[in-house]
Amino acid sequence: MLNEPTLEKLQALKLTGMREAFEDQLAQPATQELAFEERLALLLDREILARDNRRLTRLLKAARLRIPGACLEDVDYRHARGLQRPQMAQLGSCQWIHHKQNLLLTGPTGTGKTYLACALGNQACRQGLSTRYVRLPRLLEAIHIAHADGSYPRLMQQLARTDLLILDDWAIAPLTASQRQDLMELIEDRHGLRSTLIASQLPVEHWHDYLGEPTLADAILDRLLHNAHRLPMKGASMRQTTTTNKEEADQ
């Protein structure tokens, strides 16, 4: 009971990690034999861990990853998709994000672009970097609505501040003139300040034609490509491969 005021003060200060660690120490007589400095260090370590875990939870929730459980540790290198472990380890370090560089994932449908994009987004969150996953068609629709309801400046500001913006399904549908302009504004706001990851079935060399209007296409691609890492993926659809392997295993 003598320790109850201390526990209440820790809770009032929102030091929940330290509070839980202190309760654990009280329940374990062996910790009473430790020096004060050692016990304090254990309390501080627990508080730091608790804060890191809460921050990671917030970042992952805000990221809205399409595949929340995707992680680099589970990337499958058995299929010939052009993925190399050293390259993935380098990307997993997130140095390209710290250096405000971009990443372009391209390849046929089913080769795992979305999974890999989400795995890299997960890794960014682990390193304390704000992340947002969104399909480009859905984002352009949201921007269109924002123009109408007056929330456009706030939305664009949020997107501009995000450390890693993942744009999936790039070039899956034609762009209107207003969508091209919105895309230009988005890329311009982030250029040299934040990192953008693009996942697309369309090879990079065809993006200029996709963007359409030559002047805007030149401006958008100049900002996207000059500091970008490229990861062209290849091979048959992993969905088909997985189905085939399962059927063979069942025979």
Protein backbone atom coordinates (compact mmCIF):
# COMPACT_ATOMS: atom_id res chain seq x y z
CA MET A 1 0.00 0.00 0.00
CA LEU A 2 2.93 2.34 0.66
CA ASN A 3 3.76 2.21 -3.05
CA GLU A 4 0.24 3.07 -4.21
CA PRO A 5 0.88 6.87 -4.34
CA THR A 6 3.96 6.25 -6.49
CA LEU A 7 1.96 4.10 -8.90
CA GLU A 8 -0.74 6.76 -9.11
CA LYS A 9 1.82 9.47 -9.84
CA LEU A 10 3.38 7.41 -12.62
CA GLN A 11 -0.07 6.90 -14.11
CA ALA A 12 -0.88 10.62 -13.80
CA LEU A 13 2.34 11.43 -15.64
CA LYS A 14 1.32 8.92 -18.34
CA LEU A 15 4.44 6.85 -17.63
CA THR A 16 2.51 3.63 -18.12
CA GLY A 17 5.57 1.62 -19.08
CA MET A 18 7.37 2.60 -15.89
CA ARG A 19 4.22 1.95 -13.86
CA GLU A 20 3.89 -1.59 -15.19
CA ALA A 21 7.61 -2.24 -14.71
CA PHE A 22 7.45 -0.93 -11.13
CA GLU A 23 4.51 -3.23 -10.39
CA ASP A 24 6.53 -6.14 -11.79
CA GLN A 25 9.48 -5.22 -9.58
CA LEU A 26 7.24 -5.12 -6.51
CA ALA A 27 5.97 -8.60 -7.36
CA GLN A 28 9.49 -10.01 -7.78
CA PRO A 29 11.48 -10.00 -4.53
CA ALA A 30 14.73 -10.69 -6.41
CA THR A 31 14.66 -7.20 -7.96
CA GLN A 32 14.78 -5.67 -4.48
CA GLU A 33 18.38 -6.83 -4.26
CA LEU A 34 19.39 -4.73 -7.28
CA ALA A 35 21.06 -1.37 -6.83
CA PHE A 36 18.85 1.69 -7.19
CA GLU A 37 20.57 2.67 -10.46
CA GLU A 38 19.90 -0.78 -11.92
CA ARG A 39 16.23 -0.72 -10.97
CA LEU A 40 15.84 2.79 -12.38
CA ALA A 41 17.50 1.73 -15.64
CA LEU A 42 15.03 -1.16 -15.95
CA LEU A 43 12.11 1.21 -15.39
CA LEU A 44 13.39 3.64 -18.02
CA ASP A 45 14.01 0.87 -20.55
CA ARG A 46 10.44 -0.37 -20.08
CA GLU A 47 9.02 3.13 -20.57
CA ILE A 48 11.03 3.65 -23.77
CA LEU A 49 9.87 0.28 -25.10
CA ALA A 50 6.24 1.07 -24.28
CA ARG A 51 6.45 4.43 -26.05
CA ASP A 52 8.09 2.88 -29.10
CA ASN A 53 5.35 0.24 -29.27
CA ARG A 54 2.59 2.85 -29.00
CA ARG A 55 4.19 4.96 -31.70
CA LEU A 56 4.51 1.95 -34.00
CA THR A 57 0.85 1.09 -33.45
CA ARG A 58 -0.16 4.66 -34.35
CA LEU A 59 2.04 4.71 -37.45
CA LEU A 60 0.75 1.37 -38.73
CA LYS A 61 -2.85 2.45 -38.20
CA ALA A 62 -2.26 5.71 -40.07
CA ALA A 63 -0.43 3.89 -42.89
CA ARG A 64 -3.56 1.95 -43.89
CA LEU A 65 -1.46 -0.73 -45.55
CA ARG A 66 -3.45 -2.96 -47.87
CA ILE A 67 -1.57 -5.97 -46.47
CA PRO A 68 -0.95 -5.02 -42.82
CA GLY A 69 1.03 -8.17 -42.05
CA ALA A 70 3.45 -7.83 -44.96
CA CYS A 71 7.09 -7.80 -43.86
CA LEU A 72 10.48 -8.13 -45.54
CA GLU A 73 11.32 -11.19 -43.45
CA ASP A 74 8.60 -13.11 -45.30
CA VAL A 75 9.55 -12.08 -48.85
CA ASP A 76 9.76 -15.19 -51.05
CA TYR A 77 13.01 -15.39 -53.04
CA ARG A 78 12.34 -18.86 -54.46
CA HIS A 79 10.48 -17.54 -57.50
CA ALA A 80 12.41 -15.85 -60.32
CA ARG A 81 11.05 -12.33 -59.83
CA GLY A 82 14.32 -10.41 -60.01
CA LEU A 83 14.53 -9.85 -56.25
CA GLN A 84 17.99 -9.99 -54.69
CA ARG A 85 18.55 -10.29 -50.95
CA PRO A 86 21.32 -7.62 -50.81
CA GLN A 87 19.11 -5.14 -52.66
CA MET A 88 16.16 -5.85 -50.38
CA ALA A 89 18.38 -5.48 -47.32
CA GLN A 90 19.49 -2.09 -48.60
CA LEU A 91 15.92 -0.96 -49.24
CA GLY A 92 14.91 -2.35 -45.85
CA SER A 93 17.40 -0.03 -44.16
CA CYS A 94 15.14 2.84 -45.30
CA GLN A 95 18.17 4.99 -46.10
CA TRP A 96 16.53 5.90 -49.40
CA ILE A 97 13.64 7.38 -47.41
CA HIS A 98 15.99 9.31 -45.12
CA HIS A 99 17.69 10.64 -48.27
CA LYS A 100 14.31 11.70 -49.77
CA GLN A 101 14.64 9.33 -52.72
CA ASN A 102 11.87 7.49 -54.57
CA LEU A 103 11.29 3.82 -55.41
CA LEU A 104 9.58 2.52 -58.54
CA LEU A 105 8.22 -1.06 -58.44
CA THR A 106 7.07 -2.33 -61.82
CA GLY A 107 6.06 -5.72 -63.14
CA PRO A 108 3.17 -7.88 -64.35
CA THR A 109 0.13 -8.46 -62.21
CA GLY A 110 0.56 -11.03 -59.47
CA THR A 111 4.33 -10.64 -59.06
CA GLY A 112 4.01 -9.29 -55.53
CA LYS A 113 4.36 -5.54 -56.02
CA THR A 114 1.66 -4.65 -53.51
CA TYR A 115 3.03 -7.07 -50.91
CA LEU A 116 6.54 -5.70 -51.30
CA ALA A 117 5.31 -2.10 -51.16
CA CYS A 118 3.41 -2.85 -47.94
CA ALA A 119 6.42 -4.69 -46.49
CA LEU A 120 8.59 -1.63 -47.11
CA GLY A 121 5.86 0.55 -45.62
CA ASN A 122 5.83 -1.69 -42.55
CA GLN A 123 9.61 -1.36 -42.30
CA ALA A 124 9.36 2.43 -42.54
CA CYS A 125 6.84 2.47 -39.68
CA ARG A 126 9.20 0.35 -37.58
CA GLN A 127 11.82 3.06 -38.04
CA GLY A 128 9.42 5.75 -36.89
CA LEU A 129 8.64 7.14 -40.35
CA SER A 130 5.12 8.27 -41.20
CA THR A 131 3.69 6.20 -44.04
CA ARG A 132 0.53 6.19 -46.14
CA TYR A 133 -0.62 3.55 -48.63
CA VAL A 134 -3.25 4.45 -51.21
CA ARG A 135 -4.29 3.29 -54.65
CA LEU A 136 -3.78 6.10 -57.15
CA PRO A 137 -7.37 5.93 -58.52
CA ARG A 138 -8.74 6.21 -54.98
CA LEU A 139 -6.40 9.09 -54.15
CA LEU A 140 -7.38 11.05 -57.26
CA GLU A 141 -11.03 10.53 -56.34
CA ALA A 142 -10.35 11.82 -52.81
CA ILE A 143 -8.58 14.89 -54.21
CA HIS A 144 -11.54 15.55 -56.54
CA ILE A 145 -13.92 15.45 -53.57
CA ALA A 146 -11.56 17.67 -51.56
CA HIS A 147 -11.74 20.33 -54.27
CA ALA A 148 -15.52 20.36 -53.90
CA ASP A 149 -15.81 20.39 -50.10
CA GLY A 150 -12.98 22.81 -49.38
CA SER A 151 -10.63 20.31 -47.73
CA TYR A 152 -8.12 20.31 -50.61
CA PRO A 153 -5.41 22.42 -48.87
CA ARG A 154 -5.54 20.26 -45.73
CA LEU A 155 -5.43 16.99 -47.69
CA MET A 156 -2.49 18.12 -49.81
CA GLN A 157 -0.66 19.30 -46.71
CA GLN A 158 -1.14 15.92 -45.06
CA LEU A 159 0.16 14.12 -48.15
CA ALA A 160 3.12 16.49 -48.44
CA ARG A 161 4.19 15.82 -44.83
CA THR A 162 4.09 12.02 -45.04
CA ASP A 163 7.61 10.56 -45.01
CA LEU A 164 6.70 7.68 -47.35
CA LEU A 165 3.72 7.87 -49.70
CA ILE A 166 2.92 4.57 -51.43
CA LEU A 167 0.97 4.98 -54.67
CA ASP A 168 -0.29 1.59 -55.83
CA ASP A 169 -2.03 0.81 -59.14
CA TRP A 170 -0.23 3.65 -60.91
CA ALA A 171 -1.29 3.95 -64.57
CA ILE A 172 -4.20 1.55 -64.22
CA ALA A 173 -6.69 4.04 -65.71
CA PRO A 174 -6.42 7.09 -68.03
CA LEU A 175 -6.01 10.53 -66.45
CA THR A 176 -8.20 13.56 -67.00
CA ALA A 177 -6.67 17.01 -67.40
CA SER A 178 -7.56 17.96 -63.82
CA GLN A 179 -6.13 14.69 -62.47
CA ARG A 180 -2.85 15.34 -64.28
CA GLN A 181 -2.65 18.76 -62.67
CA ASP A 182 -3.45 17.37 -59.22
CA LEU A 183 -0.79 14.70 -59.66
CA MET A 184 1.72 17.35 -60.67
CA GLU A 185 0.95 19.39 -57.54
CA LEU A 186 1.32 16.31 -55.34
CA ILE A 187 4.67 15.29 -56.83
CA GLU A 188 5.93 18.87 -56.73
CA ASP A 189 5.00 19.27 -53.05
CA ARG A 190 6.99 16.16 -52.15
CA HIS A 191 9.94 16.56 -54.53
CA GLY A 192 13.23 16.55 -52.64
CA LEU A 193 11.42 16.65 -49.29
CA ARG A 194 9.74 13.26 -48.92
CA SER A 195 9.88 9.82 -50.57
CA THR A 196 7.31 8.31 -52.91
CA LEU A 197 6.99 4.61 -53.72
CA ILE A 198 5.11 3.80 -56.92
CA ALA A 199 3.84 0.32 -57.83
CA SER A 200 2.71 -0.18 -61.41
CA GLN A 201 2.12 -2.85 -64.02
CA LEU A 202 3.26 -0.39 -66.69
CA PRO A 203 7.02 -0.21 -67.37
CA VAL A 204 8.59 3.17 -66.60
CA GLU A 205 9.40 3.81 -70.26
CA HIS A 206 5.67 3.98 -71.01
CA TRP A 207 4.78 6.42 -68.24
CA HIS A 208 5.23 9.49 -70.43
CA ASP A 209 2.56 8.24 -72.82
CA TYR A 210 0.30 7.39 -69.88
CA LEU A 211 0.58 10.87 -68.39
CA GLY A 212 -0.45 12.34 -71.72
CA GLU A 213 0.12 16.10 -71.93
CA PRO A 214 3.86 16.37 -72.81
CA THR A 215 4.74 19.41 -70.69
CA LEU A 216 3.19 18.04 -67.50
CA ALA A 217 4.51 14.56 -68.25
CA ASP A 218 8.05 15.93 -68.53
CA ALA A 219 7.69 17.85 -65.26
CA ILE A 220 6.22 14.92 -63.31
CA LEU A 221 8.73 12.36 -64.55
CA ASP A 222 11.69 14.70 -64.04
CA ARG A 223 10.77 14.98 -60.37
CA LEU A 224 10.01 11.29 -59.92
CA LEU A 225 12.88 9.69 -61.79
CA HIS A 226 16.02 11.70 -61.18
CA ASN A 227 16.62 10.30 -57.66
CA ALA A 228 14.64 7.08 -57.93
CA HIS A 229 15.60 3.47 -57.29
CA ARG A 230 14.04 1.13 -59.84
CA LEU A 231 12.97 -2.42 -59.12
CA PRO A 232 11.50 -4.11 -62.20
CA MET A 233 9.88 -7.39 -61.19
CA LYS A 234 9.30 -10.24 -63.59
CA GLY A 235 7.94 -13.75 -63.82
CA ALA A 236 4.57 -15.43 -63.82
CA SER A 237 1.83 -14.50 -61.40
CA MET A 238 2.59 -15.84 -57.93
CA ARG A 239 -1.13 -16.40 -57.49
CA GLN A 240 -1.06 -18.89 -60.36
CA THR A 241 2.18 -20.43 -59.11
CA THR A 242 0.78 -20.86 -55.61
CA THR A 243 -2.38 -22.45 -56.99
CA THR A 244 -0.37 -24.82 -59.21
CA ASN A 245 1.90 -25.86 -56.34
CA LYS A 246 -1.11 -26.50 -54.10
CA GLU A 247 -2.79 -28.62 -56.77
CA GLU A 248 0.40 -30.65 -57.25
CA ALA A 249 0.72 -31.14 -53.49
CA ASP A 250 -2.87 -32.35 -53.30
CA GLN A 251 -2.34 -34.97 -56.01
